Amino acid sequence: MATKIVAAQRRMFSDVFVCRNCNKKIRSQAVRINAGKVKCPKCNSGNFRPIKKK
């Protein structure tokens, strides 16, 4: 049963970032976020933060 929880955690929180302007969630690799290659599809901003794990 523990493997299901680990798999769900990975699916929900791995490589998910949130736009600081409009709070849109986007899935991308951290390397691309840090390099500034990813833009928000909603507001065209490049400011992202990691999603908070609740």
Protein backbone atom coordinates (compact mmCIF):
# COMPACT_ATOMS: atom_id res chain seq x y z
CA MET A 1 0.00 0.00 0.00
CA ALA A 2 2.90 2.34 0.61
CA THR A 3 3.93 2.16 -3.03
CA LYS A 4 0.59 3.56 -4.09
CA ILE A 5 1.07 6.57 -1.85
CA VAL A 6 4.61 7.17 -3.13
CA ALA A 7 3.41 6.91 -6.71
CA ALA A 8 0.59 9.36 -6.05
CA GLN A 9 2.96 11.83 -4.36
CA ARG A 10 5.30 11.67 -7.33
CA ARG A 11 2.45 12.17 -9.79
CA MET A 12 0.96 15.14 -7.91
CA PHE A 13 4.10 17.04 -6.88
CA SER A 14 6.99 16.00 -9.13
CA ASP A 15 7.91 18.71 -11.66
CA VAL A 16 4.83 20.84 -10.93
CA PHE A 17 5.25 24.60 -10.64
CA VAL A 18 2.83 27.46 -10.00
CA CYS A 19 2.87 30.85 -11.71
CA ARG A 20 3.47 33.64 -9.22
CA ASN A 21 1.17 36.01 -11.10
CA CYS A 22 -1.94 33.99 -11.95
CA ASN A 23 -1.48 30.77 -9.90
CA LYS A 24 -1.71 28.52 -12.97
CA LYS A 25 -0.16 25.09 -12.42
CA ILE A 26 2.24 23.84 -15.06
CA ARG A 27 4.27 20.65 -15.32
CA SER A 28 7.82 21.12 -16.53
CA GLN A 29 11.34 20.09 -15.63
CA ALA A 30 13.10 22.21 -13.00
CA VAL A 31 16.08 22.74 -15.31
CA ARG A 32 13.85 24.42 -17.91
CA ILE A 33 12.15 26.57 -15.26
CA ASN A 34 15.49 27.76 -13.87
CA ALA A 35 16.82 28.52 -17.35
CA GLY A 36 13.77 30.71 -18.10
CA LYS A 37 12.69 28.65 -21.10
CA VAL A 38 9.12 28.15 -19.83
CA LYS A 39 6.42 30.81 -20.01
CA CYS A 40 2.99 30.69 -18.38
CA PRO A 41 0.34 29.85 -20.99
CA LYS A 42 -2.21 32.05 -19.24
CA CYS A 43 -0.33 35.30 -18.50
CA ASN A 44 2.97 34.81 -20.41
CA SER A 45 5.04 35.34 -17.27
CA GLY A 46 8.25 33.49 -16.45
CA ASN A 47 8.01 33.64 -12.64
CA PHE A 48 7.30 30.22 -11.11
CA ARG A 49 7.49 28.62 -7.69
CA PRO A 50 7.36 24.95 -6.71
CA ILE A 51 3.94 23.65 -5.68
CA LYS A 52 3.41 23.39 -1.93
CA LYS A 53 2.99 19.87 -0.59
CA LYS A 54 -0.03 19.75 1.66
